[in-house]
N, C-alpha and C. Protein backbone atom coordinates (compact mmCIF):
# COMPACT_ATOMS: atom_id res chain seq x y z
N MET A 1 79.33 -34.37 8.22
CA MET A 1 78.56 -34.43 7.00
C MET A 1 77.36 -35.34 7.24
N SER A 2 76.18 -34.89 6.84
CA SER A 2 74.96 -35.67 7.02
C SER A 2 74.58 -36.34 5.71
N GLY A 3 74.09 -37.57 5.80
CA GLY A 3 73.62 -38.29 4.61
C GLY A 3 72.17 -38.01 4.30
N LYS A 4 71.56 -37.11 5.06
CA LYS A 4 70.14 -36.82 4.86
C LYS A 4 69.94 -35.90 3.66
N VAL A 5 68.87 -36.18 2.91
CA VAL A 5 68.51 -35.36 1.77
C VAL A 5 67.72 -34.17 2.28
N PRO A 6 68.06 -32.95 1.85
CA PRO A 6 67.29 -31.79 2.29
C PRO A 6 65.84 -31.89 1.80
N LEU A 7 64.91 -31.56 2.67
CA LEU A 7 63.50 -31.63 2.32
C LEU A 7 62.96 -30.25 2.00
N GLY A 8 61.99 -30.22 1.11
CA GLY A 8 61.32 -28.97 0.78
C GLY A 8 60.24 -28.65 1.80
N GLU A 9 59.68 -27.47 1.72
CA GLU A 9 58.62 -27.06 2.63
C GLU A 9 57.43 -28.02 2.54
N GLY A 10 56.97 -28.49 3.67
CA GLY A 10 55.84 -29.40 3.70
C GLY A 10 56.19 -30.86 3.45
N GLU A 11 57.46 -31.16 3.17
CA GLU A 11 57.87 -32.53 2.91
C GLU A 11 58.30 -33.19 4.22
N THR A 12 58.17 -34.50 4.26
CA THR A 12 58.58 -35.26 5.43
C THR A 12 59.15 -36.59 4.97
N PHE A 13 59.81 -37.31 5.84
CA PHE A 13 60.32 -38.62 5.50
C PHE A 13 60.24 -39.51 6.73
N ARG A 14 60.28 -40.79 6.49
CA ARG A 14 60.32 -41.77 7.58
C ARG A 14 61.45 -42.75 7.30
N THR A 15 62.14 -43.10 8.34
CA THR A 15 63.22 -44.07 8.21
C THR A 15 63.02 -45.15 9.27
N ALA A 16 63.14 -46.38 8.85
CA ALA A 16 63.05 -47.48 9.80
C ALA A 16 64.40 -48.18 9.83
N CYS A 17 64.92 -48.39 11.00
CA CYS A 17 66.19 -49.09 11.11
C CYS A 17 66.28 -49.77 12.48
N ALA A 18 67.17 -50.69 12.55
CA ALA A 18 67.45 -51.36 13.82
C ALA A 18 68.96 -51.58 13.89
N ARG A 19 69.60 -50.92 14.82
CA ARG A 19 71.05 -51.08 14.97
C ARG A 19 71.34 -52.31 15.81
N ALA A 20 72.37 -53.00 15.42
CA ALA A 20 72.78 -54.18 16.17
C ALA A 20 74.25 -54.46 15.93
N VAL A 21 74.90 -55.04 16.90
CA VAL A 21 76.27 -55.49 16.76
C VAL A 21 76.23 -57.01 16.80
N LEU A 22 76.66 -57.62 15.74
CA LEU A 22 76.67 -59.08 15.68
C LEU A 22 78.10 -59.58 15.77
N ARG A 23 78.35 -60.35 16.79
CA ARG A 23 79.70 -60.89 16.98
C ARG A 23 79.74 -62.39 16.79
N THR A 24 78.59 -63.02 16.96
CA THR A 24 78.55 -64.47 16.85
C THR A 24 77.15 -64.90 16.44
N GLY A 25 77.05 -66.10 15.93
CA GLY A 25 75.77 -66.65 15.55
C GLY A 25 75.78 -68.15 15.76
N VAL A 26 74.58 -68.72 15.86
CA VAL A 26 74.45 -70.16 16.08
C VAL A 26 73.47 -70.70 15.06
N ASP A 27 73.84 -71.78 14.41
CA ASP A 27 72.94 -72.45 13.48
C ASP A 27 71.83 -73.10 14.32
N GLU A 28 70.58 -72.71 14.05
CA GLU A 28 69.47 -73.23 14.86
C GLU A 28 69.30 -74.73 14.73
N GLY A 29 69.58 -75.26 13.57
CA GLY A 29 69.39 -76.69 13.34
C GLY A 29 70.40 -77.56 14.04
N THR A 30 71.66 -77.13 14.01
CA THR A 30 72.74 -77.99 14.54
C THR A 30 73.28 -77.51 15.88
N GLY A 31 73.03 -76.25 16.23
CA GLY A 31 73.60 -75.69 17.45
C GLY A 31 75.05 -75.27 17.28
N GLU A 32 75.57 -75.40 16.07
CA GLU A 32 76.97 -75.07 15.78
C GLU A 32 77.18 -73.56 15.79
N VAL A 33 78.24 -73.11 16.45
CA VAL A 33 78.60 -71.69 16.44
C VAL A 33 79.15 -71.36 15.07
N LEU A 34 78.65 -70.27 14.48
CA LEU A 34 79.07 -69.88 13.14
C LEU A 34 80.35 -69.07 13.17
N SER A 35 81.18 -69.26 12.19
CA SER A 35 82.39 -68.44 12.06
C SER A 35 81.97 -67.04 11.64
N GLN A 36 82.87 -66.09 11.80
CA GLN A 36 82.58 -64.71 11.40
C GLN A 36 82.33 -64.63 9.89
N ALA A 37 83.03 -65.44 9.12
CA ALA A 37 82.85 -65.43 7.66
C ALA A 37 81.44 -65.92 7.28
N VAL A 38 81.00 -66.99 7.92
CA VAL A 38 79.66 -67.53 7.63
C VAL A 38 78.59 -66.55 8.11
N LEU A 39 78.80 -65.96 9.27
CA LEU A 39 77.86 -64.97 9.79
C LEU A 39 77.75 -63.78 8.84
N ALA A 40 78.89 -63.29 8.36
CA ALA A 40 78.88 -62.18 7.40
C ALA A 40 78.17 -62.57 6.11
N GLN A 41 78.37 -63.80 5.66
CA GLN A 41 77.71 -64.28 4.44
C GLN A 41 76.20 -64.31 4.63
N ARG A 42 75.75 -64.80 5.78
CA ARG A 42 74.31 -64.88 6.03
C ARG A 42 73.68 -63.50 6.19
N ILE A 43 74.40 -62.59 6.82
CA ILE A 43 73.90 -61.21 6.94
C ILE A 43 73.80 -60.58 5.56
N GLY A 44 74.80 -60.81 4.72
CA GLY A 44 74.76 -60.30 3.34
C GLY A 44 73.58 -60.86 2.57
N TRP A 45 73.31 -62.16 2.74
CA TRP A 45 72.18 -62.79 2.08
C TRP A 45 70.87 -62.13 2.53
N CYS A 46 70.75 -61.90 3.83
CA CYS A 46 69.54 -61.28 4.37
C CYS A 46 69.38 -59.85 3.84
N ALA A 47 70.47 -59.09 3.83
CA ALA A 47 70.41 -57.73 3.31
C ALA A 47 70.01 -57.71 1.84
N ASP A 48 70.54 -58.65 1.06
CA ASP A 48 70.17 -58.75 -0.36
C ASP A 48 68.71 -59.11 -0.52
N LEU A 49 68.21 -60.00 0.34
CA LEU A 49 66.80 -60.39 0.29
C LEU A 49 65.90 -59.19 0.55
N VAL A 50 66.20 -58.43 1.59
CA VAL A 50 65.40 -57.25 1.93
C VAL A 50 65.49 -56.21 0.82
N ALA A 51 66.68 -55.99 0.28
CA ALA A 51 66.83 -55.02 -0.82
C ALA A 51 66.00 -55.44 -2.03
N GLY A 52 65.96 -56.73 -2.33
CA GLY A 52 65.15 -57.22 -3.43
C GLY A 52 63.67 -57.01 -3.18
N MET A 53 63.24 -57.23 -1.93
CA MET A 53 61.83 -57.03 -1.58
C MET A 53 61.45 -55.56 -1.73
N VAL A 54 62.31 -54.67 -1.27
CA VAL A 54 62.06 -53.24 -1.39
C VAL A 54 62.00 -52.84 -2.86
N SER A 55 62.91 -53.36 -3.63
CA SER A 55 62.96 -53.05 -5.06
C SER A 55 61.66 -53.48 -5.75
N ASP A 56 61.19 -54.69 -5.43
CA ASP A 56 59.94 -55.18 -6.01
C ASP A 56 58.75 -54.32 -5.59
N LEU A 57 58.71 -53.95 -4.32
CA LEU A 57 57.62 -53.12 -3.81
C LEU A 57 57.61 -51.76 -4.49
N LEU A 58 58.77 -51.15 -4.62
CA LEU A 58 58.84 -49.84 -5.29
C LEU A 58 58.44 -49.96 -6.76
N ALA A 59 58.89 -51.00 -7.43
CA ALA A 59 58.54 -51.18 -8.84
C ALA A 59 57.04 -51.34 -9.01
N GLU A 60 56.40 -52.02 -8.04
CA GLU A 60 54.96 -52.26 -8.12
C GLU A 60 54.15 -51.02 -7.75
N ARG A 61 54.63 -50.25 -6.78
CA ARG A 61 53.82 -49.16 -6.23
C ARG A 61 54.26 -47.76 -6.62
N TRP A 62 55.42 -47.60 -7.23
CA TRP A 62 55.88 -46.26 -7.58
C TRP A 62 55.35 -45.92 -8.96
N ASN A 63 54.08 -45.55 -9.00
CA ASN A 63 53.41 -45.19 -10.25
C ASN A 63 52.52 -43.99 -9.97
N PRO A 64 52.12 -43.28 -11.02
CA PRO A 64 51.34 -42.05 -10.81
C PRO A 64 50.08 -42.24 -9.96
N ALA A 65 49.33 -43.31 -10.17
CA ALA A 65 48.08 -43.49 -9.42
C ALA A 65 48.35 -43.66 -7.92
N ASP A 66 49.31 -44.51 -7.56
CA ASP A 66 49.60 -44.72 -6.14
C ASP A 66 50.25 -43.50 -5.50
N VAL A 67 51.09 -42.80 -6.23
CA VAL A 67 51.69 -41.58 -5.70
C VAL A 67 50.62 -40.53 -5.46
N ASP A 68 49.63 -40.44 -6.35
CA ASP A 68 48.52 -39.50 -6.17
C ASP A 68 47.72 -39.83 -4.91
N VAL A 69 47.51 -41.13 -4.64
CA VAL A 69 46.79 -41.53 -3.42
C VAL A 69 47.58 -41.07 -2.20
N LEU A 70 48.89 -41.32 -2.20
CA LEU A 70 49.71 -40.88 -1.07
C LEU A 70 49.67 -39.37 -0.91
N ALA A 71 49.74 -38.66 -2.01
CA ALA A 71 49.74 -37.20 -1.96
C ALA A 71 48.40 -36.65 -1.47
N SER A 72 47.32 -37.40 -1.68
CA SER A 72 46.00 -36.92 -1.24
C SER A 72 45.88 -36.92 0.28
N GLY A 73 46.64 -37.78 0.95
CA GLY A 73 46.61 -37.82 2.41
C GLY A 73 45.53 -38.70 2.99
N VAL A 74 44.72 -39.35 2.15
CA VAL A 74 43.66 -40.24 2.65
C VAL A 74 43.67 -41.53 1.85
N ASP A 75 43.17 -42.62 2.46
CA ASP A 75 43.12 -43.90 1.76
C ASP A 75 41.79 -44.07 1.05
N ALA A 76 41.55 -45.24 0.48
CA ALA A 76 40.32 -45.50 -0.29
C ALA A 76 39.07 -45.41 0.57
N SER A 77 39.21 -45.57 1.90
CA SER A 77 38.07 -45.47 2.82
C SER A 77 37.97 -44.07 3.42
N ASP A 78 38.69 -43.13 2.85
CA ASP A 78 38.71 -41.73 3.29
C ASP A 78 39.29 -41.55 4.70
N ARG A 79 40.15 -42.49 5.11
CA ARG A 79 40.84 -42.36 6.40
C ARG A 79 42.16 -41.65 6.16
N LYS A 80 42.52 -40.80 7.11
CA LYS A 80 43.77 -40.06 6.99
C LYS A 80 44.95 -41.02 7.03
N LEU A 81 45.88 -40.85 6.09
CA LEU A 81 47.08 -41.69 6.06
C LEU A 81 48.04 -41.29 7.16
N GLY A 82 48.76 -42.26 7.68
CA GLY A 82 49.77 -41.99 8.69
C GLY A 82 49.21 -41.83 10.09
N ALA A 83 47.94 -42.09 10.26
CA ALA A 83 47.32 -41.93 11.59
C ALA A 83 47.38 -43.22 12.36
């Protein structure tokens, strides 16, 4: 089963990700090796931070005017988007 959303004709999507396996961490300030629980807590904090940033960005930019600019395929300087 794929988690991808089916796209319509002429539609495209971009996904950015970075896979990593984290088994251990070190506190930069103290040099102390972090427990798995603390590492998981810090990863959760980071994921929440990024999710909040994305949420704010979408709330700010997901409006008819900005969507129309994206749909036009060019920016305010008439340069092709995505180039």
